[in-house]
Amino acid sequence: SNHGRHEEVEEVRIPARTAHSLFDELGLTHI
């Protein structure tokens, strides 16, 4: 709505990660 769009919005629950938990899950220290 802050972009001037006022259509209906759906709220969905999505599995959450932080940058750290994502990188660790992927086995990354060098990106």
PDB file of all heavy atoms in Angstrom:
ATOM      1  N   SER A   1       0.830  -1.211   0.000  1.00  0.00           N
ATOM      2  CA  SER A   1       0.000   0.000   0.000  1.00  0.00           C
ATOM      3  C   SER A   1       0.863   1.259   0.000  1.00  0.00           C
ATOM      4  O   SER A   1       0.454   2.304  -0.533  1.00  0.00           O
ATOM      5  CB  SER A   1      -0.944   0.005   1.203  1.00  0.00           C
ATOM      6  OG  SER A   1      -0.222   0.010   2.419  1.00  0.00           O
ATOM      7  N   ASN A   2       2.054   1.196   0.567  1.00  0.00           N
ATOM      8  CA  ASN A   2       2.956   2.342   0.533  1.00  0.00           C
ATOM      9  C   ASN A   2       3.450   2.660  -0.870  1.00  0.00           C
ATOM     10  O   ASN A   2       3.976   3.744  -1.118  1.00  0.00           O
ATOM     11  CB  ASN A   2       4.156   2.111   1.453  1.00  0.00           C
ATOM     12  CG  ASN A   2       3.784   2.157   2.916  1.00  0.00           C
ATOM     13  OD1 ASN A   2       2.767   2.728   3.294  1.00  0.00           O
ATOM     14  ND2 ASN A   2       4.608   1.542   3.762  1.00  0.00           N
ATOM     15  N   HIS A   3       3.277   1.706  -1.779  1.00  0.00           N
ATOM     16  CA  HIS A   3       3.594   1.921  -3.191  1.00  0.00           C
ATOM     17  C   HIS A   3       2.351   2.334  -3.988  1.00  0.00           C
ATOM     18  O   HIS A   3       2.374   2.334  -5.219  1.00  0.00           O
ATOM     19  CB  HIS A   3       4.200   0.649  -3.800  1.00  0.00           C
ATOM     20  CG  HIS A   3       5.634   0.423  -3.441  1.00  0.00           C
ATOM     21  ND1 HIS A   3       6.041  -0.026  -2.211  1.00  0.00           N
ATOM     22  CD2 HIS A   3       6.779   0.613  -4.164  1.00  0.00           C
ATOM     23  CE1 HIS A   3       7.367  -0.138  -2.198  1.00  0.00           C
ATOM     24  NE2 HIS A   3       7.834   0.248  -3.355  1.00  0.00           N
ATOM     25  N   GLY A   4       1.283   2.645  -3.279  1.00  0.00           N
ATOM     26  CA  GLY A   4       0.066   3.083  -3.954  1.00  0.00           C
ATOM     27  C   GLY A   4      -0.792   1.967  -4.495  1.00  0.00           C
ATOM     28  O   GLY A   4      -1.711   2.203  -5.277  1.00  0.00           O
ATOM     29  N   ARG A   5      -0.534   0.747  -4.043  1.00  0.00           N
ATOM     30  CA  ARG A   5      -1.331  -0.397  -4.492  1.00  0.00           C
ATOM     31  C   ARG A   5      -2.167  -0.894  -3.321  1.00  0.00           C
ATOM     32  O   ARG A   5      -1.639  -1.168  -2.254  1.00  0.00           O
ATOM     33  CB  ARG A   5      -0.409  -1.505  -5.021  1.00  0.00           C
ATOM     34  CG  ARG A   5       0.376  -1.069  -6.250  1.00  0.00           C
ATOM     35  CD  ARG A   5       1.231  -2.167  -6.815  1.00  0.00           C
ATOM     36  NE  ARG A   5       0.499  -3.379  -7.088  1.00  0.00           N
ATOM     37  CZ  ARG A   5       0.957  -4.383  -7.832  1.00  0.00           C
ATOM     38  NH1 ARG A   5       2.161  -4.278  -8.395  1.00  0.00           N
ATOM     39  NH2 ARG A   5       0.247  -5.466  -8.020  1.00  0.00           N
ATOM     40  N   HIS A   6      -3.455  -0.996  -3.548  1.00  0.00           N
ATOM     41  CA  HIS A   6      -4.382  -1.275  -2.446  1.00  0.00           C
ATOM     42  C   HIS A   6      -5.231  -2.522  -2.698  1.00  0.00           C
ATOM     43  O   HIS A   6      -6.315  -2.652  -2.158  1.00  0.00           O
ATOM     44  CB  HIS A   6      -5.277  -0.061  -2.208  1.00  0.00           C
ATOM     45  CG  HIS A   6      -4.501   1.187  -1.907  1.00  0.00           C
ATOM     46  ND1 HIS A   6      -3.894   1.416  -0.690  1.00  0.00           N
ATOM     47  CD2 HIS A   6      -4.199   2.250  -2.695  1.00  0.00           C
ATOM     48  CE1 HIS A   6      -3.279   2.579  -0.718  1.00  0.00           C
ATOM     49  NE2 HIS A   6      -3.443   3.118  -1.919  1.00  0.00           N
ATOM     50  N   GLU A   7      -4.702  -3.457  -3.511  1.00  0.00           N
ATOM     51  CA  GLU A   7      -5.444  -4.687  -3.753  1.00  0.00           C
ATOM     52  C   GLU A   7      -5.354  -5.617  -2.543  1.00  0.00           C
ATOM     53  O   GLU A   7      -4.580  -5.380  -1.608  1.00  0.00           O
ATOM     54  CB  GLU A   7      -4.929  -5.403  -5.006  1.00  0.00           C
ATOM     55  CG  GLU A   7      -3.475  -5.838  -4.936  1.00  0.00           C
ATOM     56  CD  GLU A   7      -2.563  -4.893  -5.676  1.00  0.00           C
ATOM     57  OE1 GLU A   7      -2.705  -3.669  -5.502  1.00  0.00           O
ATOM     58  OE2 GLU A   7      -1.700  -5.370  -6.417  1.00  0.00           O
ATOM     59  N   GLU A   8      -6.136  -6.681  -2.591  1.00  0.00           N
ATOM     60  CA  GLU A   8      -6.186  -7.615  -1.471  1.00  0.00           C
ATOM     61  C   GLU A   8      -4.850  -8.340  -1.316  1.00  0.00           C
ATOM     62  O   GLU A   8      -4.240  -8.784  -2.287  1.00  0.00           O
ATOM     63  CB  GLU A   8      -7.312  -8.634  -1.691  1.00  0.00           C
ATOM     64  CG  GLU A   8      -7.546  -9.542  -0.499  1.00  0.00           C
ATOM     65  CD  GLU A   8      -8.720 -10.477  -0.717  1.00  0.00           C
ATOM     66  OE1 GLU A   8      -9.342 -10.422  -1.801  1.00  0.00           O
ATOM     67  OE2 GLU A   8      -8.999 -11.271   0.192  1.00  0.00           O
ATOM     68  N   VAL A   9      -4.399  -8.459  -0.076  1.00  0.00           N
ATOM     69  CA  VAL A   9      -3.120  -9.085   0.225  1.00  0.00           C
ATOM     70  C   VAL A   9      -3.356 -10.376   1.002  1.00  0.00           C
ATOM     71  O   VAL A   9      -4.201 -10.436   1.903  1.00  0.00           O
ATOM     72  CB  VAL A   9      -2.230  -8.131   1.050  1.00  0.00           C
ATOM     73  CG1 VAL A   9      -0.968  -8.846   1.520  1.00  0.00           C
ATOM     74  CG2 VAL A   9      -1.864  -6.908   0.231  1.00  0.00           C
ATOM     75  N   GLU A  10      -2.619 -11.408   0.636  1.00  0.00           N
ATOM     76  CA  GLU A  10      -2.698 -12.684   1.344  1.00  0.00           C
ATOM     77  C   GLU A  10      -1.525 -12.814   2.300  1.00  0.00           C
ATOM     78  O   GLU A  10      -0.375 -12.564   1.928  1.00  0.00           O
ATOM     79  CB  GLU A  10      -2.672 -13.840   0.339  1.00  0.00           C
ATOM     80  CG  GLU A  10      -2.737 -15.215   1.001  1.00  0.00           C
ATOM     81  CD  GLU A  10      -2.665 -16.346  -0.007  1.00  0.00           C
ATOM     82  OE1 GLU A  10      -2.385 -16.088  -1.195  1.00  0.00           O
ATOM     83  OE2 GLU A  10      -2.892 -17.495   0.417  1.00  0.00           O
ATOM     84  N   GLU A  11      -1.811 -13.195   3.531  1.00  0.00           N
ATOM     85  CA  GLU A  11      -0.763 -13.446   4.514  1.00  0.00           C
ATOM     86  C   GLU A  11      -0.456 -14.942   4.540  1.00  0.00           C
ATOM     87  O   GLU A  11      -1.352 -15.764   4.748  1.00  0.00           O
ATOM     88  CB  GLU A  11      -1.200 -12.984   5.900  1.00  0.00           C
ATOM     89  CG  GLU A  11      -0.191 -13.275   6.993  1.00  0.00           C
ATOM     90  CD  GLU A  11      -0.695 -12.899   8.381  1.00  0.00           C
ATOM     91  OE1 GLU A  11      -1.764 -12.266   8.475  1.00  0.00           O
ATOM     92  OE2 GLU A  11      -0.018 -13.241   9.379  1.00  0.00           O
ATOM     93  N   VAL A  12       0.798 -15.296   4.330  1.00  0.00           N
ATOM     94  CA  VAL A  12       1.209 -16.697   4.359  1.00  0.00           C
ATOM     95  C   VAL A  12       2.351 -16.847   5.356  1.00  0.00           C
ATOM     96  O   VAL A  12       3.134 -15.919   5.568  1.00  0.00           O
ATOM     97  CB  VAL A  12       1.642 -17.206   2.967  1.00  0.00           C
ATOM     98  CG1 VAL A  12       0.469 -17.192   2.005  1.00  0.00           C
ATOM     99  CG2 VAL A  12       2.782 -16.360   2.409  1.00  0.00           C
ATOM    100  N   ARG A  13       2.428 -17.999   5.979  1.00  0.00           N
ATOM    101  CA  ARG A  13       3.522 -18.291   6.914  1.00  0.00           C
ATOM    102  C   ARG A  13       4.607 -19.069   6.171  1.00  0.00           C
ATOM    103  O   ARG A  13       4.329 -20.081   5.520  1.00  0.00           O
ATOM    104  CB  ARG A  13       3.022 -19.094   8.101  1.00  0.00           C
ATOM    105  CG  ARG A  13       2.008 -18.388   8.971  1.00  0.00           C
ATOM    106  CD  ARG A  13       2.577 -17.198   9.720  1.00  0.00           C
ATOM    107  NE  ARG A  13       3.585 -17.574  10.721  1.00  0.00           N
ATOM    108  CZ  ARG A  13       4.147 -16.681  11.543  1.00  0.00           C
ATOM    109  NH1 ARG A  13       3.830 -15.386  11.469  1.00  0.00           N
ATOM    110  NH2 ARG A  13       5.047 -17.083  12.432  1.00  0.00           N
ATOM    111  N   ILE A  14       5.828 -18.574   6.282  1.00  0.00           N
ATOM    112  CA  ILE A  14       6.955 -19.135   5.545  1.00  0.00           C
ATOM    113  C   ILE A  14       8.060 -19.508   6.532  1.00  0.00           C
ATOM    114  O   ILE A  14       8.332 -18.757   7.476  1.00  0.00           O
ATOM    115  CB  ILE A  14       7.494 -18.108   4.518  1.00  0.00           C
ATOM    116  CG1 ILE A  14       6.374 -17.666   3.552  1.00  0.00           C
ATOM    117  CG2 ILE A  14       8.673 -18.686   3.746  1.00  0.00           C
ATOM    118  CD1 ILE A  14       5.826 -18.761   2.679  1.00  0.00           C
ATOM    119  N   PRO A  15       8.718 -20.653   6.351  1.00  0.00           N
ATOM    120  CA  PRO A  15       9.849 -21.002   7.219  1.00  0.00           C
ATOM    121  C   PRO A  15      10.877 -19.879   7.250  1.00  0.00           C
ATOM    122  O   PRO A  15      11.210 -19.302   6.210  1.00  0.00           O
ATOM    123  CB  PRO A  15      10.429 -22.262   6.562  1.00  0.00           C
ATOM    124  CG  PRO A  15       9.283 -22.849   5.802  1.00  0.00           C
ATOM    125  CD  PRO A  15       8.464 -21.691   5.320  1.00  0.00           C
ATOM    126  N   ALA A  16      11.363 -19.568   8.446  1.00  0.00           N
ATOM    127  CA  ALA A  16      12.249 -18.414   8.628  1.00  0.00           C
ATOM    128  C   ALA A  16      13.707 -18.833   8.757  1.00  0.00           C
ATOM    129  O   ALA A  16      14.018 -19.892   9.298  1.00  0.00           O
ATOM    130  CB  ALA A  16      11.827 -17.636   9.865  1.00  0.00           C
ATOM    131  N   ARG A  17      14.568 -17.971   8.272  1.00  0.00           N
ATOM    132  CA  ARG A  17      16.014 -18.103   8.462  1.00  0.00           C
ATOM    133  C   ARG A  17      16.595 -16.715   8.701  1.00  0.00           C
ATOM    134  O   ARG A  17      16.041 -15.712   8.252  1.00  0.00           O
ATOM    135  CB  ARG A  17      16.697 -18.715   7.221  1.00  0.00           C
ATOM    136  CG  ARG A  17      16.284 -20.142   6.891  1.00  0.00           C
ATOM    137  CD  ARG A  17      16.781 -21.130   7.913  1.00  0.00           C
ATOM    138  NE  ARG A  17      16.524 -22.503   7.518  1.00  0.00           N
ATOM    139  CZ  ARG A  17      15.375 -23.154   7.744  1.00  0.00           C
ATOM    140  NH1 ARG A  17      14.369 -22.535   8.347  1.00  0.00           N
ATOM    141  NH2 ARG A  17      15.243 -24.403   7.361  1.00  0.00           N
ATOM    142  N   THR A  18      17.711 -16.667   9.410  1.00  0.00           N
ATOM    143  CA  THR A  18      18.542 -15.471   9.424  1.00  0.00           C
ATOM    144  C   THR A  18      19.627 -15.668   8.368  1.00  0.00           C
ATOM    145  O   THR A  18      19.801 -16.781   7.838  1.00  0.00           O
ATOM    146  CB  THR A  18      19.192 -15.250  10.785  1.00  0.00           C
ATOM    147  OG1 THR A  18      20.045 -16.378  11.073  1.00  0.00           O
ATOM    148  CG2 THR A  18      18.143 -15.102  11.888  1.00  0.00           C
ATOM    149  N   ALA A  19      20.387 -14.627   8.090  1.00  0.00           N
ATOM    150  CA  ALA A  19      21.515 -14.797   7.173  1.00  0.00           C
ATOM    151  C   ALA A  19      22.469 -15.854   7.710  1.00  0.00           C
ATOM    152  O   ALA A  19      22.934 -16.732   6.968  1.00  0.00           O
ATOM    153  CB  ALA A  19      22.231 -13.472   6.974  1.00  0.00           C
ATOM    154  N   HIS A  20      22.736 -15.826   9.023  1.00  0.00           N
ATOM    155  CA  HIS A  20      23.667 -16.782   9.626  1.00  0.00           C
ATOM    156  C   HIS A  20      23.153 -18.216   9.520  1.00  0.00           C
ATOM    157  O   HIS A  20      23.895 -19.130   9.121  1.00  0.00           O
ATOM    158  CB  HIS A  20      23.900 -16.440  11.093  1.00  0.00           C
ATOM    159  CG  HIS A  20      24.844 -15.299  11.291  1.00  0.00           C
ATOM    160  ND1 HIS A  20      25.476 -15.052  12.478  1.00  0.00           N
ATOM    161  CD2 HIS A  20      25.258 -14.332  10.435  1.00  0.00           C
ATOM    162  CE1 HIS A  20      26.247 -13.980  12.356  1.00  0.00           C
ATOM    163  NE2 HIS A  20      26.121 -13.519  11.128  1.00  0.00           N
ATOM    164  N   SER A  21      21.893 -18.430   9.878  1.00  0.00           N
ATOM    165  CA  SER A  21      21.372 -19.798   9.844  1.00  0.00           C
ATOM    166  C   SER A  21      21.284 -20.309   8.409  1.00  0.00           C
ATOM    167  O   SER A  21      21.488 -21.501   8.153  1.00  0.00           O
ATOM    168  CB  SER A  21      20.012 -19.885  10.547  1.00  0.00           C
ATOM    169  OG  SER A  21      19.015 -19.155   9.868  1.00  0.00           O
ATOM    170  N   LEU A  22      21.012 -19.404   7.471  1.00  0.00           N
ATOM    171  CA  LEU A  22      20.993 -19.791   6.062  1.00  0.00           C
ATOM    172  C   LEU A  22      22.385 -20.186   5.597  1.00  0.00           C
ATOM    173  O   LEU A  22      22.578 -21.273   5.023  1.00  0.00           O
ATOM    174  CB  LEU A  22      20.466 -18.633   5.210  1.00  0.00           C
ATOM    175  CG  LEU A  22      20.500 -18.853   3.697  1.00  0.00           C
ATOM    176  CD1 LEU A  22      19.539 -19.964   3.288  1.00  0.00           C
ATOM    177  CD2 LEU A  22      20.182 -17.558   2.958  1.00  0.00           C
ATOM    178  N   PHE A  23      23.371 -19.332   5.849  1.00  0.00           N
ATOM    179  CA  PHE A  23      24.737 -19.642   5.418  1.00  0.00           C
ATOM    180  C   PHE A  23      25.237 -20.929   6.065  1.00  0.00           C
ATOM    181  O   PHE A  23      25.885 -21.757   5.408  1.00  0.00           O
ATOM    182  CB  PHE A  23      25.688 -18.495   5.774  1.00  0.00           C
ATOM    183  CG  PHE A  23      25.377 -17.181   5.112  1.00  0.00           C
ATOM    184  CD1 PHE A  23      25.829 -15.990   5.664  1.00  0.00           C
ATOM    185  CD2 PHE A  23      24.625 -17.117   3.947  1.00  0.00           C
ATOM    186  CE1 PHE A  23      25.556 -14.772   5.064  1.00  0.00           C
ATOM    187  CE2 PHE A  23      24.332 -15.903   3.337  1.00  0.00           C
ATOM    188  CZ  PHE A  23      24.797 -14.719   3.908  1.00  0.00           C
ATOM    189  N   ASP A  24      24.937 -21.106   7.349  1.00  0.00           N
ATOM    190  CA  ASP A  24      25.394 -22.306   8.048  1.00  0.00           C
ATOM    191  C   ASP A  24      24.723 -23.557   7.488  1.00  0.00           C
ATOM    192  O   ASP A  24      25.365 -24.606   7.328  1.00  0.00           O
ATOM    193  CB  ASP A  24      25.120 -22.186   9.543  1.00  0.00           C
ATOM    194  CG  ASP A  24      25.986 -21.121  10.212  1.00  0.00           C
ATOM    195  OD1 ASP A  24      26.941 -20.639   9.579  1.00  0.00           O
ATOM    196  OD2 ASP A  24      25.682 -20.753  11.364  1.00  0.00           O
ATOM    197  N   GLU A  25      23.441 -23.453   7.196  1.00  0.00           N
ATOM    198  CA  GLU A  25      22.714 -24.588   6.613  1.00  0.00           C
ATOM    199  C   GLU A  25      23.318 -24.987   5.268  1.00  0.00           C
ATOM    200  O   GLU A  25      23.389 -26.174   4.929  1.00  0.00           O
ATOM    201  CB  GLU A  25      21.242 -24.216   6.439  1.00  0.00           C
ATOM    202  CG  GLU A  25      20.391 -25.298   5.800  1.00  0.00           C
ATOM    203  CD  GLU A  25      18.935 -24.878   5.662  1.00  0.00           C
ATOM    204  OE1 GLU A  25      18.424 -24.175   6.562  1.00  0.00           O
ATOM    205  OE2 GLU A  25      18.305 -25.245   4.646  1.00  0.00           O
ATOM    206  N   LEU A  26      23.768 -23.992   4.513  1.00  0.00           N
ATOM    207  CA  LEU A  26      24.329 -24.250   3.188  1.00  0.00           C
ATOM    208  C   LEU A  26      25.818 -24.589   3.254  1.00  0.00           C
ATOM    209  O   LEU A  26      26.425 -24.896   2.226  1.00  0.00           O
ATOM    210  CB  LEU A  26      24.113 -23.027   2.285  1.00  0.00           C
ATOM    211  CG  LEU A  26      22.651 -22.622   2.066  1.00  0.00           C
ATOM    212  CD1 LEU A  26      22.568 -21.358   1.213  1.00  0.00           C
ATOM    213  CD2 LEU A  26      21.863 -23.757   1.420  1.00  0.00           C
ATOM    214  N   GLY A  27      26.405 -24.516   4.452  1.00  0.00           N
ATOM    215  CA  GLY A  27      27.817 -24.834   4.619  1.00  0.00           C
ATOM    216  C   GLY A  27      28.743 -23.784   4.036  1.00  0.00           C
ATOM    217  O   GLY A  27      29.826 -24.107   3.542  1.00  0.00           O
ATOM    218  N   LEU A  28      28.334 -22.522   4.115  1.00  0.00           N
ATOM    219  CA  LEU A  28      29.089 -21.439   3.491  1.00  0.00           C
ATOM    220  C   LEU A  28      29.761 -20.543   4.533  1.00  0.00           C
ATOM    221  O   LEU A  28      29.122 -20.107   5.482  1.00  0.00           O
ATOM    222  CB  LEU A  28      28.160 -20.567   2.635  1.00  0.00           C
ATOM    223  CG  LEU A  28      27.416 -21.253   1.483  1.00  0.00           C
ATOM    224  CD1 LEU A  28      26.478 -20.264   0.820  1.00  0.00           C
ATOM    225  CD2 LEU A  28      28.397 -21.830   0.473  1.00  0.00           C
ATOM    226  N   THR A  29      31.026 -20.278   4.347  1.00  0.00           N
ATOM    227  CA  THR A  29      31.703 -19.194   5.065  1.00  0.00           C
ATOM    228  C   THR A  29      32.285 -18.188   4.076  1.00  0.00           C
ATOM    229  O   THR A  29      32.592 -17.057   4.442  1.00  0.00           O
ATOM    230  CB  THR A  29      32.840 -19.725   5.965  1.00  0.00           C
ATOM    231  OG1 THR A  29      33.748 -20.493   5.174  1.00  0.00           O
ATOM    232  CG2 THR A  29      32.271 -20.581   7.088  1.00  0.00           C
ATOM    233  N   HIS A  30      32.448 -18.600   2.838  1.00  0.00           N
ATOM    234  CA  HIS A  30      32.951 -17.728   1.768  1.00  0.00           C
ATOM    235  C   HIS A  30      31.831 -17.581   0.735  1.00  0.00           C
ATOM    236  O   HIS A  30      31.479 -18.539   0.053  1.00  0.00           O
ATOM    237  CB  HIS A  30      34.203 -18.345   1.141  1.00  0.00           C
ATOM    238  CG  HIS A  30      34.885 -17.469   0.131  1.00  0.00           C
ATOM    239  ND1 HIS A  30      36.251 -17.414   0.015  1.00  0.00           N
ATOM    240  CD2 HIS A  30      34.396 -16.612  -0.803  1.00  0.00           C
ATOM    241  CE1 HIS A  30      36.574 -16.564  -0.945  1.00  0.00           C
ATOM    242  NE2 HIS A  30      35.459 -16.077  -1.459  1.00  0.00           N
ATOM    243  N   ILE A  31      31.272 -16.391   0.643  1.00  0.00           N
ATOM    244  CA  ILE A  31      30.216 -16.092  -0.328  1.00  0.00           C
ATOM    245  C   ILE A  31      30.776 -15.052  -1.279  1.00  0.00           C
ATOM    246  O   ILE A  31      30.995 -13.897  -0.893  1.00  0.00           O
ATOM    247  CB  ILE A  31      28.935 -15.578   0.364  1.00  0.00           C
ATOM    248  CG1 ILE A  31      28.370 -16.653   1.302  1.00  0.00           C
ATOM    249  CG2 ILE A  31      27.885 -15.173  -0.658  1.00  0.00           C
ATOM    250  CD1 ILE A  31      28.390 -16.275   2.732  1.00  0.00           C
TER     251      ILE A  31
END
